[in-house]
PDB file of all heavy atoms in Angstrom:
ATOM      1  N   ALA A   1      10.875  -1.859   3.744  1.00  0.00           N
ATOM      2  CA  ALA A   1       9.651  -2.627   3.964  1.00  0.00           C
ATOM      3  C   ALA A   1       9.067  -3.012   2.614  1.00  0.00           C
ATOM      4  O   ALA A   1       9.155  -2.250   1.642  1.00  0.00           O
ATOM      5  CB  ALA A   1       8.631  -1.809   4.752  1.00  0.00           C
ATOM      6  N   GLU A   2       8.475  -4.194   2.561  1.00  0.00           N
ATOM      7  CA  GLU A   2       7.780  -4.641   1.348  1.00  0.00           C
ATOM      8  C   GLU A   2       6.290  -4.648   1.624  1.00  0.00           C
ATOM      9  O   GLU A   2       5.829  -5.275   2.578  1.00  0.00           O
ATOM     10  CB  GLU A   2       8.233  -6.024   0.905  1.00  0.00           C
ATOM     11  CG  GLU A   2       7.527  -6.450  -0.375  1.00  0.00           C
ATOM     12  CD  GLU A   2       8.211  -7.572  -1.122  1.00  0.00           C
ATOM     13  OE1 GLU A   2       9.153  -8.179  -0.581  1.00  0.00           O
ATOM     14  OE2 GLU A   2       7.803  -7.834  -2.272  1.00  0.00           O
ATOM     15  N   ILE A   3       5.546  -3.928   0.784  1.00  0.00           N
ATOM     16  CA  ILE A   3       4.092  -3.861   0.937  1.00  0.00           C
ATOM     17  C   ILE A   3       3.420  -4.898   0.048  1.00  0.00           C
ATOM     18  O   ILE A   3       3.994  -5.366  -0.942  1.00  0.00           O
ATOM     19  CB  ILE A   3       3.535  -2.454   0.621  1.00  0.00           C
ATOM     20  CG1 ILE A   3       3.778  -2.074  -0.855  1.00  0.00           C
ATOM     21  CG2 ILE A   3       4.118  -1.421   1.574  1.00  0.00           C
ATOM     22  CD1 ILE A   3       3.044  -0.826  -1.306  1.00  0.00           C
ATOM     23  N   GLY A   4       2.193  -5.240   0.415  1.00  0.00           N
ATOM     24  CA  GLY A   4       1.367  -6.137  -0.390  1.00  0.00           C
ATOM     25  C   GLY A   4      -0.092  -5.794  -0.186  1.00  0.00           C
ATOM     26  O   GLY A   4      -0.485  -5.306   0.883  1.00  0.00           O
ATOM     27  N   TYR A   5      -0.904  -6.032  -1.197  1.00  0.00           N
ATOM     28  CA  TYR A   5      -2.328  -5.717  -1.126  1.00  0.00           C
ATOM     29  C   TYR A   5      -3.086  -6.773  -1.921  1.00  0.00           C
ATOM     30  O   TYR A   5      -2.669  -7.180  -3.008  1.00  0.00           O
ATOM     31  CB  TYR A   5      -2.612  -4.300  -1.670  1.00  0.00           C
ATOM     32  CG  TYR A   5      -1.764  -3.947  -2.875  1.00  0.00           C
ATOM     33  CD1 TYR A   5      -2.169  -4.250  -4.164  1.00  0.00           C
ATOM     34  CD2 TYR A   5      -0.518  -3.342  -2.703  1.00  0.00           C
ATOM     35  CE1 TYR A   5      -1.375  -3.961  -5.261  1.00  0.00           C
ATOM     36  CE2 TYR A   5       0.286  -3.046  -3.794  1.00  0.00           C
ATOM     37  CZ  TYR A   5      -0.152  -3.350  -5.069  1.00  0.00           C
ATOM     38  OH  TYR A   5       0.638  -3.067  -6.156  1.00  0.00           O
ATOM     39  N   PHE A   6      -4.174  -7.246  -1.344  1.00  0.00           N
ATOM     40  CA  PHE A   6      -4.952  -8.319  -1.954  1.00  0.00           C
ATOM     41  C   PHE A   6      -6.430  -7.968  -1.836  1.00  0.00           C
ATOM     42  O   PHE A   6      -6.960  -7.881  -0.729  1.00  0.00           O
ATOM     43  CB  PHE A   6      -4.664  -9.651  -1.251  1.00  0.00           C
ATOM     44  CG  PHE A   6      -3.198  -9.988  -1.231  1.00  0.00           C
ATOM     45  CD1 PHE A   6      -2.394  -9.609  -0.167  1.00  0.00           C
ATOM     46  CD2 PHE A   6      -2.613 -10.642  -2.299  1.00  0.00           C
ATOM     47  CE1 PHE A   6      -1.040  -9.895  -0.151  1.00  0.00           C
ATOM     48  CE2 PHE A   6      -1.257 -10.929  -2.299  1.00  0.00           C
ATOM     49  CZ  PHE A   6      -0.473 -10.547  -1.220  1.00  0.00           C
ATOM     50  N   LEU A   7      -7.072  -7.748  -2.978  1.00  0.00           N
ATOM     51  CA  LEU A   7      -8.480  -7.364  -2.993  1.00  0.00           C
ATOM     52  C   LEU A   7      -9.332  -8.433  -3.663  1.00  0.00           C
ATOM     53  O   LEU A   7      -8.891  -9.080  -4.618  1.00  0.00           O
ATOM     54  CB  LEU A   7      -8.675  -6.056  -3.766  1.00  0.00           C
ATOM     55  CG  LEU A   7      -8.004  -4.809  -3.212  1.00  0.00           C
ATOM     56  CD1 LEU A   7      -8.189  -3.647  -4.164  1.00  0.00           C
ATOM     57  CD2 LEU A   7      -8.563  -4.468  -1.850  1.00  0.00           C
ATOM     58  N   ASP A   8     -10.554  -8.573  -3.171  1.00  0.00           N
ATOM     59  CA  ASP A   8     -11.533  -9.428  -3.834  1.00  0.00           C
ATOM     60  C   ASP A   8     -11.701  -8.920  -5.269  1.00  0.00           C
ATOM     61  O   ASP A   8     -11.775  -7.708  -5.506  1.00  0.00           O
ATOM     62  CB  ASP A   8     -12.865  -9.342  -3.067  1.00  0.00           C
ATOM     63  CG  ASP A   8     -13.926 -10.236  -3.644  1.00  0.00           C
ATOM     64  OD1 ASP A   8     -14.513  -9.853  -4.680  1.00  0.00           O
ATOM     65  OD2 ASP A   8     -14.180 -11.299  -3.061  1.00  0.00           O
ATOM     66  N   LYS A   9     -11.780  -9.851  -6.228  1.00  0.00           N
ATOM     67  CA  LYS A   9     -11.826  -9.481  -7.654  1.00  0.00           C
ATOM     68  C   LYS A   9     -12.945  -8.505  -7.981  1.00  0.00           C
ATOM     69  O   LYS A   9     -12.804  -7.659  -8.862  1.00  0.00           O
ATOM     70  CB  LYS A   9     -12.013 -10.737  -8.513  1.00  0.00           C
ATOM     71  CG  LYS A   9     -10.756 -11.274  -9.077  1.00  0.00           C
ATOM     72  CD  LYS A   9     -11.045 -12.404 -10.050  1.00  0.00           C
ATOM     73  CE  LYS A   9      -9.750 -12.827 -10.690  1.00  0.00           C
ATOM     74  NZ  LYS A   9      -9.853 -13.995 -11.517  1.00  0.00           N
ATOM     75  N   SER A  10     -14.055  -8.603  -7.272  1.00  0.00           N
ATOM     76  CA  SER A  10     -15.192  -7.723  -7.595  1.00  0.00           C
ATOM     77  C   SER A  10     -14.897  -6.255  -7.260  1.00  0.00           C
ATOM     78  O   SER A  10     -15.660  -5.372  -7.651  1.00  0.00           O
ATOM     79  CB  SER A  10     -16.458  -8.194  -6.878  1.00  0.00           C
ATOM     80  OG  SER A  10     -16.264  -8.226  -5.487  1.00  0.00           O
ATOM     81  N   TYR A  11     -13.780  -5.976  -6.581  1.00  0.00           N
ATOM     82  CA  TYR A  11     -13.423  -4.604  -6.235  1.00  0.00           C
ATOM     83  C   TYR A  11     -12.198  -4.107  -6.993  1.00  0.00           C
ATOM     84  O   TYR A  11     -11.690  -3.026  -6.723  1.00  0.00           O
ATOM     85  CB  TYR A  11     -13.204  -4.479  -4.720  1.00  0.00           C
ATOM     86  CG  TYR A  11     -14.480  -4.715  -3.969  1.00  0.00           C
ATOM     87  CD1 TYR A  11     -14.775  -5.974  -3.457  1.00  0.00           C
ATOM     88  CD2 TYR A  11     -15.421  -3.707  -3.821  1.00  0.00           C
ATOM     89  CE1 TYR A  11     -15.959  -6.212  -2.798  1.00  0.00           C
ATOM     90  CE2 TYR A  11     -16.609  -3.937  -3.157  1.00  0.00           C
ATOM     91  CZ  TYR A  11     -16.872  -5.188  -2.652  1.00  0.00           C
ATOM     92  OH  TYR A  11     -18.062  -5.419  -2.002  1.00  0.00           O
ATOM     93  N   TRP A  12     -11.723  -4.880  -7.957  1.00  0.00           N
ATOM     94  CA  TRP A  12     -10.592  -4.462  -8.785  1.00  0.00           C
ATOM     95  C   TRP A  12     -11.011  -3.313  -9.699  1.00  0.00           C
ATOM     96  O   TRP A  12     -12.168  -3.211 -10.111  1.00  0.00           O
ATOM     97  CB  TRP A  12     -10.100  -5.617  -9.647  1.00  0.00           C
ATOM     98  CG  TRP A  12      -9.403  -6.717  -8.901  1.00  0.00           C
ATOM     99  CD1 TRP A  12      -9.236  -6.834  -7.549  1.00  0.00           C
ATOM    100  CD2 TRP A  12      -8.797  -7.870  -9.466  1.00  0.00           C
ATOM    101  NE1 TRP A  12      -8.561  -7.984  -7.247  1.00  0.00           N
ATOM    102  CE2 TRP A  12      -8.283  -8.653  -8.402  1.00  0.00           C
ATOM    103  CE3 TRP A  12      -8.637  -8.336 -10.760  1.00  0.00           C
ATOM    104  CZ2 TRP A  12      -7.615  -9.858  -8.606  1.00  0.00           C
ATOM    105  CZ3 TRP A  12      -7.975  -9.529 -10.965  1.00  0.00           C
ATOM    106  CH2 TRP A  12      -7.470 -10.283  -9.890  1.00  0.00           C
ATOM    107  N   GLY A  13     -10.074  -2.472 -10.060  1.00  0.00           N
ATOM    108  CA  GLY A  13     -10.316  -1.414 -11.037  1.00  0.00           C
ATOM    109  C   GLY A  13     -11.096  -0.224 -10.501  1.00  0.00           C
ATOM    110  O   GLY A  13     -11.563   0.605 -11.277  1.00  0.00           O
ATOM    111  N   LYS A  14     -11.222  -0.105  -9.181  1.00  0.00           N
ATOM    112  CA  LYS A  14     -12.003   0.986  -8.587  1.00  0.00           C
ATOM    113  C   LYS A  14     -11.134   1.947  -7.780  1.00  0.00           C
ATOM    114  O   LYS A  14     -11.649   2.816  -7.090  1.00  0.00           O
ATOM    115  CB  LYS A  14     -13.109   0.410  -7.715  1.00  0.00           C
ATOM    116  CG  LYS A  14     -14.053  -0.456  -8.532  1.00  0.00           C
ATOM    117  CD  LYS A  14     -15.167  -1.031  -7.708  1.00  0.00           C
ATOM    118  CE  LYS A  14     -15.994  -1.914  -8.642  1.00  0.00           C
ATOM    119  NZ  LYS A  14     -17.260  -2.244  -8.139  1.00  0.00           N
ATOM    120  N   GLY A  15      -9.819   1.754  -7.827  1.00  0.00           N
ATOM    121  CA  GLY A  15      -8.910   2.650  -7.134  1.00  0.00           C
ATOM    122  C   GLY A  15      -8.579   2.246  -5.705  1.00  0.00           C
ATOM    123  O   GLY A  15      -7.769   2.893  -5.046  1.00  0.00           O
ATOM    124  N   TYR A  16      -9.176   1.172  -5.214  1.00  0.00           N
ATOM    125  CA  TYR A  16      -8.942   0.767  -3.825  1.00  0.00           C
ATOM    126  C   TYR A  16      -7.511   0.275  -3.602  1.00  0.00           C
ATOM    127  O   TYR A  16      -6.918   0.536  -2.553  1.00  0.00           O
ATOM    128  CB  TYR A  16      -9.941  -0.307  -3.385  1.00  0.00           C
ATOM    129  CG  TYR A  16     -11.381   0.145  -3.426  1.00  0.00           C
ATOM    130  CD1 TYR A  16     -12.330  -0.592  -4.113  1.00  0.00           C
ATOM    131  CD2 TYR A  16     -11.783   1.317  -2.785  1.00  0.00           C
ATOM    132  CE1 TYR A  16     -13.656  -0.179  -4.150  1.00  0.00           C
ATOM    133  CE2 TYR A  16     -13.097   1.734  -2.824  1.00  0.00           C
ATOM    134  CZ  TYR A  16     -14.036   0.981  -3.512  1.00  0.00           C
ATOM    135  OH  TYR A  16     -15.346   1.387  -3.551  1.00  0.00           O
ATOM    136  N   ALA A  17      -6.949  -0.429  -4.558  1.00  0.00           N
ATOM    137  CA  ALA A  17      -5.580  -0.925  -4.402  1.00  0.00           C
ATOM    138  C   ALA A  17      -4.592   0.238  -4.374  1.00  0.00           C
ATOM    139  O   ALA A  17      -3.669   0.252  -3.548  1.00  0.00           O
ATOM    140  CB  ALA A  17      -5.231  -1.905  -5.517  1.00  0.00           C
ATOM    141  N   THR A  18      -4.783   1.220  -5.229  1.00  0.00           N
ATOM    142  CA  THR A  18      -3.901   2.386  -5.249  1.00  0.00           C
ATOM    143  C   THR A  18      -4.016   3.160  -3.942  1.00  0.00           C
ATOM    144  O   THR A  18      -3.002   3.567  -3.356  1.00  0.00           O
ATOM    145  CB  THR A  18      -4.223   3.299  -6.450  1.00  0.00           C
ATOM    146  OG1 THR A  18      -4.083   2.538  -7.657  1.00  0.00           O
ATOM    147  CG2 THR A  18      -3.302   4.505  -6.504  1.00  0.00           C
ATOM    148  N   GLU A  19      -5.233   3.361  -3.473  1.00  0.00           N
ATOM    149  CA  GLU A  19      -5.440   4.062  -2.201  1.00  0.00           C
ATOM    150  C   GLU A  19      -4.776   3.296  -1.052  1.00  0.00           C
ATOM    151  O   GLU A  19      -4.090   3.881  -0.211  1.00  0.00           O
ATOM    152  CB  GLU A  19      -6.936   4.220  -1.923  1.00  0.00           C
ATOM    153  CG  GLU A  19      -7.241   4.939  -0.630  1.00  0.00           C
ATOM    154  CD  GLU A  19      -8.727   5.086  -0.360  1.00  0.00           C
ATOM    155  OE1 GLU A  19      -9.563   4.597  -1.165  1.00  0.00           O
ATOM    156  OE2 GLU A  19      -9.066   5.689   0.681  1.00  0.00           O
ATOM    157  N   THR A  20      -4.953   1.987  -1.047  1.00  0.00           N
ATOM    158  CA  THR A  20      -4.370   1.150   0.000  1.00  0.00           C
ATOM    159  C   THR A  20      -2.846   1.193  -0.041  1.00  0.00           C
ATOM    160  O   THR A  20      -2.191   1.398   0.980  1.00  0.00           O
ATOM    161  CB  THR A  20      -4.872  -0.298  -0.142  1.00  0.00           C
ATOM    162  OG1 THR A  20      -6.298  -0.309   0.002  1.00  0.00           O
ATOM    163  CG2 THR A  20      -4.252  -1.210   0.887  1.00  0.00           C
ATOM    164  N   ALA A  21      -2.270   1.006  -1.221  1.00  0.00           N
ATOM    165  CA  ALA A  21      -0.808   1.020  -1.359  1.00  0.00           C
ATOM    166  C   ALA A  21      -0.245   2.377  -0.942  1.00  0.00           C
ATOM    167  O   ALA A  21       0.783   2.445  -0.257  1.00  0.00           O
ATOM    168  CB  ALA A  21      -0.407   0.680  -2.794  1.00  0.00           C
ATOM    169  N   SER A  22      -0.905   3.448  -1.322  1.00  0.00           N
ATOM    170  CA  SER A  22      -0.454   4.790  -0.947  1.00  0.00           C
ATOM    171  C   SER A  22      -0.449   4.969   0.570  1.00  0.00           C
ATOM    172  O   SER A  22       0.485   5.549   1.134  1.00  0.00           O
ATOM    173  CB  SER A  22      -1.356   5.857  -1.576  1.00  0.00           C
ATOM    174  OG  SER A  22      -1.221   5.856  -2.973  1.00  0.00           O
ATOM    175  N   LEU A  23      -1.491   4.461   1.231  1.00  0.00           N
ATOM    176  CA  LEU A  23      -1.563   4.560   2.695  1.00  0.00           C
ATOM    177  C   LEU A  23      -0.474   3.724   3.365  1.00  0.00           C
ATOM    178  O   LEU A  23       0.112   4.146   4.371  1.00  0.00           O
ATOM    179  CB  LEU A  23      -2.946   4.137   3.188  1.00  0.00           C
ATOM    180  CG  LEU A  23      -4.072   5.113   2.864  1.00  0.00           C
ATOM    181  CD1 LEU A  23      -5.436   4.481   3.171  1.00  0.00           C
ATOM    182  CD2 LEU A  23      -3.902   6.421   3.618  1.00  0.00           C
ATOM    183  N   LEU A  24      -0.213   2.542   2.819  1.00  0.00           N
ATOM    184  CA  LEU A  24       0.849   1.702   3.373  1.00  0.00           C
ATOM    185  C   LEU A  24       2.212   2.391   3.251  1.00  0.00           C
ATOM    186  O   LEU A  24       3.008   2.391   4.196  1.00  0.00           O
ATOM    187  CB  LEU A  24       0.900   0.348   2.660  1.00  0.00           C
ATOM    188  CG  LEU A  24      -0.260  -0.604   2.930  1.00  0.00           C
ATOM    189  CD1 LEU A  24      -0.201  -1.787   1.970  1.00  0.00           C
ATOM    190  CD2 LEU A  24      -0.251  -1.076   4.372  1.00  0.00           C
ATOM    191  N   ILE A  25       2.470   2.974   2.099  1.00  0.00           N
ATOM    192  CA  ILE A  25       3.733   3.681   1.873  1.00  0.00           C
ATOM    193  C   ILE A  25       3.861   4.848   2.857  1.00  0.00           C
ATOM    194  O   ILE A  25       4.891   5.017   3.507  1.00  0.00           O
ATOM    195  CB  ILE A  25       3.835   4.165   0.407  1.00  0.00           C
ATOM    196  CG1 ILE A  25       3.977   2.966  -0.534  1.00  0.00           C
ATOM    197  CG2 ILE A  25       4.993   5.148   0.228  1.00  0.00           C
ATOM    198  CD1 ILE A  25       3.778   3.291  -2.003  1.00  0.00           C
ATOM    199  N   GLU A  26       2.804   5.626   2.979  1.00  0.00           N
ATOM    200  CA  GLU A  26       2.819   6.757   3.914  1.00  0.00           C
ATOM    201  C   GLU A  26       3.083   6.281   5.344  1.00  0.00           C
ATOM    202  O   GLU A  26       3.893   6.869   6.066  1.00  0.00           O
ATOM    203  CB  GLU A  26       1.484   7.500   3.851  1.00  0.00           C
ATOM    204  CG  GLU A  26       1.408   8.660   4.805  1.00  0.00           C
ATOM    205  CD  GLU A  26       0.082   9.404   4.726  1.00  0.00           C
ATOM    206  OE1 GLU A  26      -0.785   9.051   3.900  1.00  0.00           O
ATOM    207  OE2 GLU A  26      -0.077  10.362   5.501  1.00  0.00           O
ATOM    208  N   TYR A  27       2.429   5.222   5.761  1.00  0.00           N
ATOM    209  CA  TYR A  27       2.606   4.687   7.111  1.00  0.00           C
ATOM    210  C   TYR A  27       4.059   4.245   7.336  1.00  0.00           C
ATOM    211  O   TYR A  27       4.651   4.563   8.363  1.00  0.00           O
ATOM    212  CB  TYR A  27       1.644   3.514   7.331  1.00  0.00           C
ATOM    213  CG  TYR A  27       1.602   3.038   8.760  1.00  0.00           C
ATOM    214  CD1 TYR A  27       0.702   3.581   9.663  1.00  0.00           C
ATOM    215  CD2 TYR A  27       2.454   2.036   9.207  1.00  0.00           C
ATOM    216  CE1 TYR A  27       0.648   3.150  10.979  1.00  0.00           C
ATOM    217  CE2 TYR A  27       2.424   1.596  10.525  1.00  0.00           C
ATOM    218  CZ  TYR A  27       1.515   2.149  11.404  1.00  0.00           C
ATOM    219  OH  TYR A  27       1.486   1.726  12.707  1.00  0.00           O
ATOM    220  N   CYS A  28       4.612   3.546   6.373  1.00  0.00           N
ATOM    221  CA  CYS A  28       6.005   3.085   6.500  1.00  0.00           C
ATOM    222  C   CYS A  28       6.961   4.254   6.665  1.00  0.00           C
ATOM    223  O   CYS A  28       7.869   4.210   7.499  1.00  0.00           O
ATOM    224  CB  CYS A  28       6.404   2.251   5.289  1.00  0.00           C
ATOM    225  SG  CYS A  28       5.659   0.608   5.238  1.00  0.00           S
ATOM    226  N   PHE A  29       6.756   5.310   5.886  1.00  0.00           N
ATOM    227  CA  PHE A  29       7.663   6.448   5.942  1.00  0.00           C
ATOM    228  C   PHE A  29       7.440   7.328   7.171  1.00  0.00           C
ATOM    229  O   PHE A  29       8.395   7.846   7.738  1.00  0.00           O
ATOM    230  CB  PHE A  29       7.553   7.289   4.672  1.00  0.00           C
ATOM    231  CG  PHE A  29       8.148   6.633   3.448  1.00  0.00           C
ATOM    232  CD1 PHE A  29       7.571   6.816   2.211  1.00  0.00           C
ATOM    233  CD2 PHE A  29       9.283   5.850   3.530  1.00  0.00           C
ATOM    234  CE1 PHE A  29       8.113   6.232   1.068  1.00  0.00           C
ATOM    235  CE2 PHE A  29       9.839   5.251   2.403  1.00  0.00           C
ATOM    236  CZ  PHE A  29       9.250   5.449   1.174  1.00  0.00           C
ATOM    237  N   THR A  30       6.204   7.509   7.591  1.00  0.00           N
ATOM    238  CA  THR A  30       5.922   8.455   8.675  1.00  0.00           C
ATOM    239  C   THR A  30       5.900   7.815  10.059  1.00  0.00           C
ATOM    240  O   THR A  30       6.144   8.502  11.049  1.00  0.00           O
ATOM    241  CB  THR A  30       4.592   9.189   8.449  1.00  0.00           C
ATOM    242  OG1 THR A  30       3.524   8.244   8.429  1.00  0.00           O
ATOM    243  CG2 THR A  30       4.619   9.986   7.150  1.00  0.00           C
ATOM    244  N   LYS A  31       5.636   6.517  10.152  1.00  0.00           N
ATOM    245  CA  LYS A  31       5.495   5.882  11.467  1.00  0.00           C
ATOM    246  C   LYS A  31       6.564   4.840  11.784  1.00  0.00           C
ATOM    247  O   LYS A  31       6.781   4.511  12.942  1.00  0.00           O
ATOM    248  CB  LYS A  31       4.130   5.195  11.581  1.00  0.00           C
ATOM    249  CG  LYS A  31       2.939   6.069  11.311  1.00  0.00           C
ATOM    250  CD  LYS A  31       2.724   7.060  12.404  1.00  0.00           C
ATOM    251  CE  LYS A  31       1.405   7.794  12.164  1.00  0.00           C
ATOM    252  NZ  LYS A  31       1.376   9.066  12.815  1.00  0.00           N
ATOM    253  N   MET A  32       7.231   4.302  10.764  1.00  0.00           N
ATOM    254  CA  MET A  32       8.110   3.155  10.988  1.00  0.00           C
ATOM    255  C   MET A  32       9.596   3.428  10.737  1.00  0.00           C
ATOM    256  O   MET A  32      10.394   2.504  10.787  1.00  0.00           O
ATOM    257  CB  MET A  32       7.662   1.980  10.096  1.00  0.00           C
ATOM    258  CG  MET A  32       6.231   1.533  10.322  1.00  0.00           C
ATOM    259  SD  MET A  32       5.879   1.010  12.013  1.00  0.00           S
ATOM    260  CE  MET A  32       6.914  -0.421  12.158  1.00  0.00           C
ATOM    261  N   ASN A  33       9.966   4.674  10.449  1.00  0.00           N
ATOM    262  CA  ASN A  33      11.364   5.021  10.183  1.00  0.00           C
ATOM    263  C   ASN A  33      11.956   4.179   9.051  1.00  0.00           C
ATOM    264  O   ASN A  33      13.067   3.679   9.126  1.00  0.00           O
ATOM    265  CB  ASN A  33      12.236   4.889  11.445  1.00  0.00           C
ATOM    266  CG  ASN A  33      13.618   5.478  11.242  1.00  0.00           C
ATOM    267  OD1 ASN A  33      13.789   6.458  10.518  1.00  0.00           O
ATOM    268  ND2 ASN A  33      14.614   4.876  11.858  1.00  0.00           N
ATOM    269  N   ILE A  34      11.179   4.024   8.000  1.00  0.00           N
ATOM    270  CA  ILE A  34      11.603   3.288   6.811  1.00  0.00           C
ATOM    271  C   ILE A  34      12.145   4.291   5.794  1.00  0.00           C
ATOM    272  O   ILE A  34      11.615   5.387   5.658  1.00  0.00           O
ATOM    273  CB  ILE A  34      10.405   2.502   6.221  1.00  0.00           C
ATOM    274  CG1 ILE A  34       9.886   1.465   7.229  1.00  0.00           C
ATOM    275  CG2 ILE A  34      10.723   1.883   4.890  1.00  0.00           C
ATOM    276  CD1 ILE A  34      10.862   0.372   7.590  1.00  0.00           C
ATOM    277  N   HIS A  35      13.212   3.949   5.089  1.00  0.00           N
ATOM    278  CA  HIS A  35      13.742   4.856   4.067  1.00  0.00           C
ATOM    279  C   HIS A  35      13.423   4.386   2.645  1.00  0.00           C
ATOM    280  O   HIS A  35      13.592   5.147   1.695  1.00  0.00           O
ATOM    281  CB  HIS A  35      15.258   5.071   4.227  1.00  0.00           C
ATOM    282  CG  HIS A  35      16.095   3.938   3.741  1.00  0.00           C
ATOM    283  ND1 HIS A  35      16.402   2.855   4.521  1.00  0.00           N
ATOM    284  CD2 HIS A  35      16.669   3.717   2.534  1.00  0.00           C
ATOM    285  CE1 HIS A  35      17.142   2.009   3.820  1.00  0.00           C
ATOM    286  NE2 HIS A  35      17.324   2.499   2.613  1.00  0.00           N
ATOM    287  N   LYS A  36      12.948   3.137   2.509  1.00  0.00           N
ATOM    288  CA  LYS A  36      12.612   2.612   1.183  1.00  0.00           C
ATOM    289  C   LYS A  36      11.472   1.610   1.319  1.00  0.00           C
ATOM    290  O   LYS A  36      11.471   0.765   2.210  1.00  0.00           O
ATOM    291  CB  LYS A  36      13.825   1.915   0.556  1.00  0.00           C
ATOM    292  CG  LYS A  36      13.569   1.334  -0.819  1.00  0.00           C
ATOM    293  CD  LYS A  36      14.837   0.683  -1.368  1.00  0.00           C
ATOM    294  CE  LYS A  36      14.606   0.126  -2.756  1.00  0.00           C
ATOM    295  NZ  LYS A  36      15.841  -0.446  -3.313  1.00  0.00           N
ATOM    296  N   VAL A  37      10.510   1.718   0.408  1.00  0.00           N
ATOM    297  CA  VAL A  37       9.397   0.765   0.350  1.00  0.00           C
ATOM    298  C   VAL A  37       9.435   0.090  -1.012  1.00  0.00           C
ATOM    299  O   VAL A  37       9.611   0.756  -2.039  1.00  0.00           O
ATOM    300  CB  VAL A  37       8.034   1.468   0.556  1.00  0.00           C
ATOM    301  CG1 VAL A  37       6.879   0.504   0.358  1.00  0.00           C
ATOM    302  CG2 VAL A  37       7.966   2.110   1.940  1.00  0.00           C
ATOM    303  N   VAL A  38       9.293  -1.221  -1.010  1.00  0.00           N
ATOM    304  CA  VAL A  38       9.279  -1.995  -2.248  1.00  0.00           C
ATOM    305  C   VAL A  38       7.973  -2.784  -2.349  1.00  0.00           C
ATOM    306  O   VAL A  38       7.277  -2.985  -1.357  1.00  0.00           O
ATOM    307  CB  VAL A  38      10.487  -2.965  -2.339  1.00  0.00           C
ATOM    308  CG1 VAL A  38      11.788  -2.190  -2.357  1.00  0.00           C
ATOM    309  CG2 VAL A  38      10.474  -3.980  -1.226  1.00  0.00           C
ATOM    310  N   ALA A  39       7.678  -3.209  -3.562  1.00  0.00           N
ATOM    311  CA  ALA A  39       6.526  -4.072  -3.825  1.00  0.00           C
ATOM    312  C   ALA A  39       6.849  -4.902  -5.056  1.00  0.00           C
ATOM    313  O   ALA A  39       7.718  -4.535  -5.858  1.00  0.00           O
ATOM    314  CB  ALA A  39       5.265  -3.247  -4.063  1.00  0.00           C
TER     315      ALA A  39
END
């Protein structure tokens, strides 16, 4: 699976993208039977 994340510029640099990407990766591995995640 390929993940993507797009945040409004005013929210950059606050850790939201990292938190979001981490959750997407976890979801792919735990719920979708994915063995590799790319971005």
